[in-house]
Protein backbone atom coordinates (compact mmCIF):
# COMPACT_ATOMS: atom_id res chain seq x y z
CA UNK A 1 -13.84 22.57 -24.10
CA UNK A 2 -13.80 24.25 -20.65
CA UNK A 3 -15.73 22.15 -19.15
CA UNK A 4 -14.13 18.68 -20.40
CA UNK A 5 -10.50 20.69 -19.74
CA UNK A 6 -12.08 20.81 -16.30
CA UNK A 7 -13.40 17.38 -15.57
CA UNK A 8 -9.92 15.73 -17.07
CA UNK A 9 -8.07 17.87 -14.94
CA UNK A 10 -10.01 16.95 -11.74
CA UNK A 11 -9.79 13.44 -12.50
CA UNK A 12 -5.71 14.03 -13.37
CA UNK A 13 -5.47 15.59 -9.82
CA UNK A 14 -7.75 13.27 -7.96
CA UNK A 15 -5.65 10.36 -9.64
CA UNK A 16 -2.31 11.15 -7.84
CA UNK A 17 -3.38 13.46 -5.18
CA UNK A 18 -6.09 11.33 -3.27
CA UNK A 19 -4.20 9.32 -0.81
CA UNK A 20 -2.36 12.73 0.12
CA UNK A 21 -5.56 14.85 0.81
CA UNK A 22 -7.36 12.01 2.56
CA UNK A 23 -3.88 11.57 4.82
CA UNK A 24 -3.84 15.27 4.85
CA UNK A 25 -7.73 15.40 6.04
CA UNK A 26 -7.05 12.55 8.42
CA UNK A 27 -4.23 13.90 9.93
CA UNK A 28 -6.33 17.52 10.50
CA UNK A 29 -9.41 15.96 11.96
CA UNK A 30 -8.20 12.71 13.49
CA UNK A 31 -11.31 10.84 11.94
CA UNK A 32 -10.38 8.42 9.15
CA UNK A 33 -13.84 7.99 8.07
CA UNK A 34 -14.77 11.48 8.15
CA UNK A 35 -11.59 12.35 6.24
CA UNK A 36 -12.75 9.95 3.03
CA UNK A 37 -16.10 11.74 3.14
CA UNK A 38 -14.58 14.87 3.50
CA UNK A 39 -12.10 14.34 0.26
CA UNK A 40 -15.31 12.87 -1.82
CA UNK A 41 -17.08 15.68 -1.05
CA UNK A 42 -14.29 18.69 -1.93
CA UNK A 43 -14.16 16.20 -5.25
CA UNK A 44 -17.28 16.84 -5.80
CA UNK A 45 -17.09 20.20 -5.65
CA UNK A 46 -14.57 20.95 -7.96
CA UNK A 47 -16.53 18.36 -10.53
CA UNK A 48 -18.86 22.09 -10.46
CA UNK A 49 -16.82 24.40 -9.79
CA UNK A 50 -13.58 23.96 -12.03
CA UNK A 51 -15.45 23.33 -15.39
CA UNK A 52 -16.99 26.73 -14.74
CA UNK A 53 -14.20 28.75 -13.33
CA UNK A 54 -11.66 27.39 -14.80
CA UNK A 55 -8.76 24.90 -13.26
CA UNK A 56 -7.46 26.96 -9.87
CA UNK A 57 -3.51 27.63 -9.98
CA UNK A 58 -3.25 25.18 -6.74
CA UNK A 59 -5.70 22.29 -7.43
CA UNK A 60 -4.50 19.88 -5.24
CA UNK A 61 -4.33 22.94 -2.40
CA UNK A 62 -7.78 23.85 -3.67
CA UNK A 63 -9.20 19.94 -2.83
CA UNK A 64 -7.47 20.28 0.60
CA UNK A 65 -8.88 24.17 1.65
CA UNK A 66 -12.61 22.66 0.55
CA UNK A 67 -12.11 19.64 2.41
CA UNK A 68 -11.05 21.34 5.72
CA UNK A 69 -13.77 23.85 5.73
CA UNK A 70 -16.15 21.02 5.34
CA UNK A 71 -14.71 19.63 8.50
CA UNK A 72 -15.32 22.98 10.13
CA UNK A 73 -18.99 22.34 9.42
CA UNK A 74 -18.82 18.88 10.37
CA UNK A 75 -17.72 20.05 13.68
CA UNK A 76 -19.99 22.87 14.10
CA UNK A 77 -23.33 20.83 13.12
CA UNK A 78 -22.06 17.81 15.94
CA UNK A 79 -21.63 21.04 17.95
CA UNK A 80 -18.11 19.74 18.88
CA UNK A 81 -16.36 23.14 19.43
CA UNK A 82 -13.70 21.70 20.89
CA UNK A 83 -9.79 21.75 20.53
CA UNK A 84 -10.21 20.36 17.03
CA UNK A 85 -12.46 22.90 15.37
CA UNK A 86 -10.12 25.51 17.31
CA UNK A 87 -6.95 24.85 15.89
CA UNK A 88 -8.99 24.23 12.55
CA UNK A 89 -10.18 27.12 12.94
CA UNK A 90 -6.94 29.46 13.54
CA UNK A 91 -5.24 27.71 10.53
CA UNK A 92 -7.80 28.74 7.98
CA UNK A 93 -9.20 32.14 9.58
CA UNK A 94 -12.71 33.16 10.23
CA UNK A 95 -12.99 35.13 7.27
CA UNK A 96 -12.07 32.07 4.98
CA UNK A 97 -14.48 29.63 6.48
CA UNK A 98 -17.27 29.77 4.37
CA UNK A 99 -18.47 26.55 2.67
CA UNK A 100 -17.60 25.92 -0.98
CA UNK A 101 -16.12 29.55 -1.57
CA UNK A 102 -13.33 30.03 -3.67
CA UNK A 103 -10.12 30.91 -1.47
CA UNK A 104 -9.92 34.61 -0.56
CA UNK A 105 -6.23 34.90 -0.96
CA UNK A 106 -4.66 32.03 -3.42
CA UNK A 107 -1.13 33.24 -2.51
CA UNK A 108 -1.82 32.44 1.48
CA UNK A 109 -3.77 29.58 0.56
CA UNK A 110 -0.58 28.12 -1.41
CA UNK A 111 1.50 29.24 1.65
CA UNK A 112 -0.85 27.99 4.53
CA UNK A 113 -3.04 25.50 3.16
CA UNK A 114 -0.93 23.21 1.33
CA UNK A 115 0.34 20.14 3.49
CA UNK A 116 4.68 20.12 4.57
CA UNK A 117 5.95 18.38 1.69
CA UNK A 118 8.40 16.67 3.79
CA UNK A 119 4.78 14.87 5.83
CA UNK A 120 3.84 13.67 2.66
CA UNK A 121 5.28 10.56 3.21
CA UNK A 122 3.75 10.00 6.63
CA UNK A 123 0.55 10.62 5.92
CA UNK A 124 0.20 8.37 3.22
CA UNK A 125 2.07 5.30 5.42
CA UNK A 126 -0.16 6.53 8.06
CA UNK A 127 -3.18 6.31 5.75
CA UNK A 128 -1.97 2.66 5.11
CA UNK A 129 -0.90 1.62 8.35
CA UNK A 130 -4.44 2.36 9.44
CA UNK A 131 -6.30 0.88 6.47
CA UNK A 132 -4.36 -2.08 7.32
CA UNK A 133 -5.09 -2.06 11.22
CA UNK A 134 -5.98 -5.33 13.16
CA UNK A 135 -9.76 -4.79 13.75
CA UNK A 136 -10.42 -5.80 10.04
CA UNK A 137 -10.23 -9.01 8.78
CA UNK A 138 -7.11 -9.16 6.19
CA UNK A 139 -9.37 -9.17 3.14
CA UNK A 140 -11.36 -5.85 4.73
CA UNK A 141 -7.94 -4.46 5.57
CA UNK A 142 -6.20 -4.94 1.50
CA UNK A 143 -9.68 -3.92 0.26
CA UNK A 144 -10.14 -0.23 2.28
CA UNK A 145 -6.29 0.73 1.48
CA UNK A 146 -6.75 -0.15 -1.96
CA UNK A 147 -9.97 2.18 -2.39
CA UNK A 148 -8.13 4.87 -0.28
CA UNK A 149 -4.30 4.73 -1.03
CA UNK A 150 -4.29 3.16 -3.99
CA UNK A 151 -7.55 5.12 -5.54
CA UNK A 152 -8.50 1.76 -7.47
CA UNK A 153 -12.03 1.07 -8.22
CA UNK A 154 -13.86 -1.59 -6.62
CA UNK A 155 -13.61 -3.69 -10.08
CA UNK A 156 -10.68 -3.44 -10.30
CA UNK A 157 -9.85 -4.46 -6.76
CA UNK A 158 -12.74 -7.33 -7.25
CA UNK A 159 -10.17 -8.66 -10.24
CA UNK A 160 -6.61 -8.78 -7.98
CA UNK A 161 -9.26 -10.92 -5.96
CA UNK A 162 -11.22 -12.56 -8.31
CA UNK A 163 -14.41 -11.82 -6.23
CA UNK A 164 -17.60 -9.81 -7.16
CA UNK A 165 -17.42 -6.22 -7.09
CA UNK A 166 -20.39 -5.86 -4.72
CA UNK A 167 -18.49 -8.01 -2.13
CA UNK A 168 -15.60 -5.58 -2.46
CA UNK A 169 -17.87 -2.73 -1.73
CA UNK A 170 -19.34 -4.08 1.57
CA UNK A 171 -16.26 -5.30 2.88
CA UNK A 172 -15.47 -1.15 2.39
CA UNK A 173 -18.18 -0.38 3.70
CA UNK A 174 -17.63 -2.34 6.55
CA UNK A 175 -14.29 -1.72 7.43
CA UNK A 176 -14.67 2.46 7.46
CA UNK A 177 -17.42 1.94 9.92
CA UNK A 178 -15.45 -0.73 12.11
CA UNK A 179 -12.49 1.74 11.89
CA UNK A 180 -14.97 4.55 13.47
CA UNK A 181 -16.55 2.15 16.03
CA UNK A 182 -13.00 1.52 17.38
CA UNK A 183 -11.83 5.26 17.13
CA UNK A 184 -8.42 4.40 15.58
CA UNK A 185 -6.24 7.08 16.20
CA UNK A 186 -4.84 9.04 12.65
CA UNK A 187 -0.85 7.78 13.56
CA UNK A 188 2.05 5.55 12.20
CA UNK A 189 1.97 3.24 14.79
CA UNK A 190 4.80 1.73 16.70
CA UNK A 191 7.63 -0.17 15.73
CA UNK A 192 5.90 -3.21 17.53
CA UNK A 193 2.35 -2.38 15.88
CA UNK A 194 4.45 -2.03 12.46
CA UNK A 195 5.35 -5.38 12.44
CA UNK A 196 1.95 -6.49 13.50
CA UNK A 197 0.23 -5.12 10.14
CA UNK A 198 3.34 -5.23 7.79
CA UNK A 199 2.15 -8.13 5.72
CA UNK A 200 -1.31 -6.44 5.10
CA UNK A 201 0.82 -3.48 4.15
CA UNK A 202 2.95 -5.02 1.88
CA UNK A 203 0.15 -6.90 -0.09
CA UNK A 204 -1.48 -3.44 -0.60
CA UNK A 205 1.95 -2.20 -2.44
CA UNK A 206 2.46 -5.16 -4.10
CA UNK A 207 -1.47 -4.68 -5.64
CA UNK A 208 -1.25 -1.29 -6.25
CA UNK A 209 1.86 -1.97 -8.33
CA UNK A 210 0.30 -5.04 -10.36
CA UNK A 211 -2.61 -2.46 -11.51
CA UNK A 212 -0.31 -0.25 -12.41
CA UNK A 213 2.04 -2.73 -14.46
CA UNK A 214 -1.00 -4.34 -16.02
CA UNK A 215 -3.86 -1.91 -15.86
CA UNK A 216 -6.95 -3.90 -15.62
CA UNK A 217 -9.10 -2.24 -17.69
CA UNK A 218 -8.90 1.14 -19.36
CA UNK A 219 -6.96 2.23 -22.72
CA UNK A 220 -3.34 1.81 -21.19
CA UNK A 221 -1.89 -1.23 -20.77
CA UNK A 222 0.67 0.77 -17.73
CA UNK A 223 -0.69 3.06 -15.32
CA UNK A 224 2.91 4.68 -14.37
CA UNK A 225 0.57 6.81 -11.52
CA UNK A 226 -0.16 3.67 -9.91
CA UNK A 227 3.45 1.73 -10.21
CA UNK A 228 5.54 4.76 -9.03
CA UNK A 229 3.17 5.37 -6.07
CA UNK A 230 3.93 1.85 -5.54
CA UNK A 231 7.57 1.89 -5.53
CA UNK A 232 7.97 5.32 -3.74
CA UNK A 233 6.10 3.33 -0.75
CA UNK A 234 8.37 0.37 -1.05
CA UNK A 235 11.43 2.51 -0.85
CA UNK A 236 9.62 4.33 2.26
CA UNK A 237 8.89 1.13 3.99
CA UNK A 238 12.62 -0.23 3.14
CA UNK A 239 14.07 2.47 5.58
CA UNK A 240 10.93 2.00 7.97
CA UNK A 241 11.44 -1.56 8.70
CA UNK A 242 14.90 -2.31 7.42
CA UNK A 243 15.16 -5.62 8.97
CA UNK A 244 12.10 -7.39 7.35
CA UNK A 245 13.89 -9.29 4.08
CA UNK A 246 10.30 -9.24 2.56
CA UNK A 247 10.48 -5.69 2.40
CA UNK A 248 13.33 -5.45 0.36
CA UNK A 249 11.99 -8.25 -1.89
CA UNK A 250 9.10 -6.05 -2.39
CA UNK A 251 11.07 -3.35 -3.38
CA UNK A 252 13.63 -5.70 -5.85
CA UNK A 253 10.38 -6.93 -7.61
CA UNK A 254 8.85 -3.55 -8.16
CA UNK A 255 12.19 -2.43 -9.48
CA UNK A 256 12.88 -5.31 -11.73
CA UNK A 257 9.50 -5.47 -13.07
CA UNK A 258 9.70 -1.26 -13.66
CA UNK A 259 12.71 -1.47 -15.64
CA UNK A 260 11.13 -3.15 -18.52
CA UNK A 261 8.36 -0.53 -18.71
CA UNK A 262 9.90 1.37 -21.36
CA UNK A 263 10.11 -1.51 -23.75
CA UNK A 264 6.73 -3.14 -22.67
CA UNK A 265 4.80 -0.71 -25.05
CA UNK A 266 5.41 0.51 -28.60
CA UNK A 267 5.09 4.04 -30.36
CA UNK A 268 1.37 4.11 -29.58
CA UNK A 269 0.91 2.51 -26.48
CA UNK A 270 0.07 -0.72 -27.46
CA UNK A 271 1.85 -3.89 -25.83
CA UNK A 272 5.18 -5.49 -26.74
CA UNK A 273 5.45 -9.03 -25.72
CA UNK A 274 8.26 -10.33 -23.70
CA UNK A 275 9.87 -11.77 -27.07
CA UNK A 276 9.93 -8.41 -29.53
CA UNK A 277 11.29 -6.62 -26.50
CA UNK A 278 14.23 -4.04 -26.91
CA UNK A 279 16.18 -4.85 -23.83
CA UNK A 280 18.69 -2.12 -24.74
CA UNK A 281 15.82 0.36 -23.87
CA UNK A 282 15.27 -1.65 -20.13
CA UNK A 283 16.01 0.81 -17.13
CA UNK A 284 19.55 -0.12 -16.21
CA UNK A 285 19.92 1.78 -12.95
CA UNK A 286 16.34 0.04 -12.13
CA UNK A 287 17.72 -3.33 -12.37
CA UNK A 288 21.02 -2.75 -10.55
CA UNK A 289 18.85 -0.90 -7.39
CA UNK A 290 16.28 -4.16 -7.52
CA UNK A 291 19.26 -6.49 -7.89
CA UNK A 292 21.03 -4.74 -4.66
CA UNK A 293 17.53 -4.81 -3.00
CA UNK A 294 17.50 -8.61 -3.59
CA UNK A 295 20.89 -8.99 -2.68
CA UNK A 296 19.92 -7.33 0.63
CA UNK A 297 16.80 -9.20 1.33
CA UNK A 298 18.83 -12.47 1.06
CA UNK A 299 21.27 -10.95 3.90
CA UNK A 300 19.07 -10.08 6.14
CA UNK A 301 18.48 -13.87 6.11
CA UNK A 302 15.41 -16.20 7.13
CA UNK A 303 15.35 -16.83 3.16
CA UNK A 304 13.32 -15.61 0.72
CA UNK A 305 9.54 -15.28 0.50
CA UNK A 306 6.61 -14.24 -1.69
CA UNK A 307 7.97 -11.13 -2.84
CA UNK A 308 11.77 -12.38 -2.84
CA UNK A 309 11.10 -15.21 -4.62
CA UNK A 310 9.17 -13.17 -7.45
CA UNK A 311 12.34 -11.00 -7.22
CA UNK A 312 14.42 -13.48 -8.22
CA UNK A 313 11.82 -14.65 -11.35
CA UNK A 314 12.27 -10.92 -12.35
CA UNK A 315 15.91 -11.17 -11.92
CA UNK A 316 16.35 -14.13 -14.33
CA UNK A 317 14.72 -12.01 -16.78
CA UNK A 318 16.66 -8.69 -16.30
CA UNK A 319 20.31 -10.37 -16.44
CA UNK A 320 19.49 -12.50 -19.21
CA UNK A 321 20.19 -11.55 -22.99
CA UNK A 322 17.45 -12.62 -24.65
CA UNK A 323 14.16 -15.16 -23.94
CA UNK A 324 15.68 -18.52 -25.51
CA UNK A 325 19.13 -17.29 -23.64
CA UNK A 326 16.69 -17.13 -20.09
CA UNK A 327 17.49 -19.81 -17.62
CA UNK A 328 13.99 -21.33 -18.07
CA UNK A 329 15.00 -24.25 -15.58
CA UNK A 330 15.58 -22.16 -12.68
CA UNK A 331 12.75 -19.94 -13.26
CA UNK A 332 10.28 -23.29 -12.98
CA UNK A 333 11.97 -24.45 -9.81
CA UNK A 334 11.77 -20.95 -8.57
CA UNK A 335 7.68 -21.06 -9.60
CA UNK A 336 7.39 -24.43 -7.68
CA UNK A 337 8.97 -22.64 -4.55
CA UNK A 338 6.75 -20.16 -4.66
CA UNK A 339 3.42 -22.81 -5.33
CA UNK A 340 4.69 -24.07 -2.08
CA UNK A 341 4.90 -21.08 -0.29
CA UNK A 342 1.72 -19.28 -1.14
CA UNK A 343 -0.46 -21.93 -3.42
CA UNK A 344 -2.41 -19.57 -5.99
CA UNK A 345 -4.04 -20.44 -9.27
CA UNK A 346 -1.93 -17.05 -11.07
CA UNK A 347 0.97 -19.17 -9.92
CA UNK A 348 0.21 -22.07 -11.44
CA UNK A 349 -0.44 -20.11 -14.38
CA UNK A 350 2.92 -18.48 -14.43
CA UNK A 351 4.67 -21.80 -13.84
CA UNK A 352 2.53 -23.07 -16.78
CA UNK A 353 4.13 -20.57 -19.21
CA UNK A 354 7.83 -21.23 -17.73
CA UNK A 355 7.24 -25.22 -18.23
CA UNK A 356 6.57 -24.25 -21.74
CA UNK A 357 9.69 -22.41 -22.49
CA UNK A 358 11.85 -25.06 -20.51
CA UNK A 359 10.29 -28.29 -21.82
CA UNK A 360 7.73 -27.55 -24.51
CA UNK A 361 3.90 -26.93 -24.93
CA UNK A 362 2.99 -30.33 -24.31
CA UNK A 363 4.27 -30.76 -20.67
CA UNK A 364 2.33 -27.22 -19.88
CA UNK A 365 -1.15 -27.96 -21.36
CA UNK A 366 -1.46 -30.44 -18.37
CA UNK A 367 -0.83 -27.55 -15.85
CA UNK A 368 -3.41 -25.17 -17.83
CA UNK A 369 -6.09 -28.05 -17.87
CA UNK A 370 -5.92 -28.33 -14.53
CA UNK A 371 -6.56 -24.55 -13.91
CA UNK A 372 -9.89 -24.99 -15.99
CA UNK A 373 -11.08 -27.44 -14.10
CA UNK A 374 -10.54 -26.15 -10.78
CA UNK A 375 -12.21 -23.08 -11.97
CA UNK A 376 -10.50 -20.49 -10.12
CA UNK A 377 -9.60 -18.30 -12.89
CA UNK A 378 -13.13 -18.69 -14.68
CA UNK A 379 -13.48 -14.79 -14.83
CA UNK A 380 -10.14 -14.08 -16.08
CA UNK A 381 -8.78 -13.82 -19.49
CA UNK A 382 -4.97 -14.72 -18.36
CA UNK A 383 -6.19 -18.54 -18.61
CA UNK A 384 -7.98 -18.77 -21.93
CA UNK A 385 -5.00 -16.40 -23.36
CA UNK A 386 -2.13 -18.91 -22.18
CA UNK A 387 -3.98 -21.92 -23.06
CA UNK A 388 -4.69 -20.48 -26.84
CA UNK A 389 -0.88 -19.98 -27.19
CA UNK A 390 0.04 -23.54 -25.73
CA UNK A 391 -2.71 -24.85 -28.37
CA UNK A 392 -1.81 -22.72 -31.02
CA UNK A 393 2.17 -23.99 -30.39
CA UNK A 394 0.96 -28.02 -30.76
CA UNK A 395 -1.05 -26.88 -34.14
CA UNK A 396 -4.58 -27.42 -32.79
CA UNK A 397 -5.30 -24.51 -34.28
CA UNK A 398 -9.42 -24.84 -33.70
CA UNK A 399 -9.04 -25.21 -29.94
CA UNK A 400 -6.69 -22.32 -29.67
CA UNK A 401 -9.12 -20.32 -31.87
CA UNK A 402 -12.15 -21.14 -28.97
CA UNK A 403 -9.87 -20.07 -26.28
CA UNK A 404 -8.72 -16.79 -27.53
CA UNK A 405 -11.78 -15.68 -28.43
CA UNK A 406 -13.01 -16.56 -24.49
CA UNK A 407 -10.00 -14.19 -23.53
CA UNK A 408 -10.77 -11.56 -25.98
CA UNK A 409 -14.70 -11.48 -24.01
CA UNK A 410 -12.91 -11.62 -21.17
CA UNK A 411 -10.21 -9.34 -21.29
CA UNK A 412 -10.84 -5.48 -20.24
CA UNK A 413 -8.20 -3.62 -21.03
CA UNK A 414 -8.06 -2.17 -24.40
CA UNK A 415 -4.37 -2.77 -25.54
CA UNK A 416 -4.35 -6.07 -24.44
CA UNK A 417 -7.66 -7.23 -26.21
CA UNK A 418 -6.28 -5.71 -29.16
CA UNK A 419 -2.99 -8.25 -28.76
CA UNK A 420 -5.33 -11.46 -28.27
CA UNK A 421 -7.63 -10.05 -31.35
CA UNK A 422 -4.64 -9.78 -33.72
CA UNK A 423 -3.38 -13.10 -32.85
CA UNK A 424 -7.14 -14.28 -33.23
CA UNK A 425 -7.03 -12.76 -36.98
CA UNK A 426 -3.77 -14.54 -37.36
CA UNK A 427 -5.27 -17.59 -37.21
CA UNK A 428 -7.17 -17.22 -40.26
């Protein structure tokens, strides 16, 4: 039991605190790639120590302490007894620099080793901006940031990019080597540099939230840890770059989408479809915040971008008293604008759903058929799920069954798969 509890604690702390730990270690060492390696070494040590000795009183501080000791070991091995080593040694105290040992004084550890909570935002944002450095390709930037800041697995990132997991792993490995060779410093970049990297940073925050709001695998439909972290980062960015409309558009999208979380799952965690959700449980404060952020994005000027348009769609749902009363024609119109601005098969699939609600399934099915022919969503359960639903509404039960069977095979999330299996069973 202790072994199981210890491992569960390691997983939980790492899921919540990994970005902060890597960020703090990067600030201490000035080396991004080394910081991630140190954090991984601390994680490996925790997997051995916590199940055996129990979970420490300050688990995140314990991980950071071990990581900092490993940093000192690394500098010693390099024979680089420079100012960074001296500063780290002074902070820890020479009597506490035995790699892998438990903290000699837990009370002092809690006071002196943990990072300043007021600096957490800066550390995580600096980590994100470093991951999105222009020396990297756009794909490598986003993949690295999702891995290090978002804590997503290679499989989860691969599903977001619609590419093989091996491709993602190769991108991340090359990205870390490139940053190390370029000697990229650990710091929040200047205003000019922030503008240059902002698009990639927003993409990362969006994808972290997307994985949090609809988990691609596992037993939970919603991963609140990821979604909440993405919302926090979006709020910080809205203060950091207040004149960028897309920052406010993204914040609006996240707030309006998260407002529906309380009614998206039932008592046992099972998904609740939009038409069955109790809208009285939607977070009205989040809706107000989201609409205010969307209005600010519109006031800043230059028109709504990709995130602002998606927020406008979310607003249509947020203000509607029911599914039937939703302004579906407006939703279709916005999806058409979004498709022109940022074409993607996912946008087209969502447009097909909106068209089916506004004009009927017969009008939407050709859009889904075109997506099947294009093959862009061949590894996703979403397309056969939507196509199966359209065929059910058209009375083409046999074809619908085939589509839903494919969707079940492709779906990686246990909760979503259960919904698809129930739909399939209802067909008889």
